[in-house]
Amino acid sequence: MKAYQEPVDVRTKDGWPTTIHWRKLDYVVTKVLDYWILQSKWWIREEKRVYFEVQCRDGALMTIFKRDGEWVLAKVMD
């Protein structure tokens, strides 16, 4: 596993990721393995993140999240 925290472009269908564009390559999502929502406490700068753990066509497992309308690649497991 390798952590990245890099911005990525994500195409979605009905809110679910279908393609992740990262470092000039497209990774086609074949399965959403898990998803969850993290929301910080109100007395801290409130932040909501929606995480998706996905499997891609090439076999890569990626964790991405959406925060304030922006997508971020959190980690990749080959």
Protein backbone atom coordinates (compact mmCIF):
# COMPACT_ATOMS: atom_id res chain seq x y z
CA MET A 1 0.00 0.00 0.00
CA LYS A 2 1.16 3.49 -0.79
CA ALA A 3 -0.46 6.71 0.42
CA TYR A 4 -0.72 9.63 -2.02
CA GLN A 5 -3.22 12.37 -1.05
CA GLU A 6 -3.18 13.65 -4.66
CA PRO A 7 -6.02 15.33 -6.53
CA VAL A 8 -7.58 13.17 -9.26
CA ASP A 9 -10.35 13.52 -11.82
CA VAL A 10 -13.19 11.07 -11.29
CA ARG A 11 -16.08 10.32 -13.61
CA THR A 12 -19.21 9.14 -11.88
CA LYS A 13 -22.60 7.65 -12.63
CA ASP A 14 -25.36 8.39 -10.11
CA GLY A 15 -22.68 9.52 -7.62
CA TRP A 16 -20.60 6.32 -7.88
CA PRO A 17 -17.07 6.42 -9.36
CA THR A 18 -16.68 4.80 -12.79
CA THR A 19 -13.27 6.06 -13.95
CA ILE A 20 -10.32 7.59 -12.12
CA HIS A 21 -7.91 9.72 -14.15
CA TRP A 22 -4.54 9.83 -12.39
CA ARG A 23 -1.07 10.63 -13.73
CA LYS A 24 -2.27 10.70 -17.37
CA LEU A 25 -3.91 7.26 -17.14
CA ASP A 26 -7.55 6.19 -16.86
CA TYR A 27 -8.40 3.49 -14.32
CA VAL A 28 -11.79 1.92 -15.00
CA VAL A 29 -13.63 1.03 -11.81
CA THR A 30 -15.04 -2.49 -11.98
CA LYS A 31 -16.33 -2.74 -8.42
CA VAL A 32 -16.95 -0.53 -5.40
CA LEU A 33 -15.75 -2.67 -2.50
CA ASP A 34 -16.76 -0.30 0.28
CA TYR A 35 -17.79 3.27 0.96
CA TRP A 36 -18.13 5.38 4.09
CA ILE A 37 -18.59 8.95 5.23
CA LEU A 38 -16.37 10.79 7.71
CA GLN A 39 -17.53 14.04 9.20
CA SER A 40 -15.52 16.08 11.67
CA LYS A 41 -16.96 17.44 14.88
CA TRP A 42 -18.75 20.76 14.68
CA TRP A 43 -16.35 22.63 16.98
CA ILE A 44 -13.48 21.81 14.63
CA ARG A 45 -13.49 23.09 11.06
CA GLU A 46 -16.36 21.00 9.80
CA GLU A 47 -15.41 18.73 6.96
CA LYS A 48 -17.27 15.91 5.29
CA ARG A 49 -15.48 13.28 3.23
CA VAL A 50 -17.10 10.50 1.24
CA TYR A 51 -14.67 7.60 0.78
CA PHE A 52 -14.80 4.84 -1.82
CA GLU A 53 -12.61 1.76 -1.89
CA VAL A 54 -12.63 0.51 -5.49
CA GLN A 55 -11.19 -2.25 -7.62
CA CYS A 56 -10.02 -1.27 -11.09
CA ARG A 57 -9.90 -3.26 -14.31
CA ASP A 58 -6.09 -3.61 -14.10
CA GLY A 59 -6.40 -5.13 -10.61
CA ALA A 60 -5.37 -2.04 -8.66
CA LEU A 61 -7.22 -1.33 -5.42
CA MET A 62 -7.65 2.39 -4.75
CA THR A 63 -9.17 4.46 -2.00
CA ILE A 64 -10.48 7.84 -3.12
CA PHE A 65 -12.54 10.46 -1.37
CA LYS A 66 -14.58 13.50 -2.27
CA ARG A 67 -14.20 16.64 -0.18
CA ASP A 68 -15.77 20.01 -0.98
CA GLY A 69 -16.45 18.89 -4.56
CA GLU A 70 -12.85 17.78 -5.16
CA TRP A 71 -11.65 14.19 -5.54
CA VAL A 72 -8.47 12.96 -3.85
CA LEU A 73 -6.57 9.68 -4.24
CA ALA A 74 -5.82 8.52 -0.70
CA LYS A 75 -4.00 5.23 -1.35
CA VAL A 76 -3.24 2.50 -3.88
CA MET A 77 -2.69 -1.18 -3.23
CA ASP A 78 -1.34 -3.20 -6.17
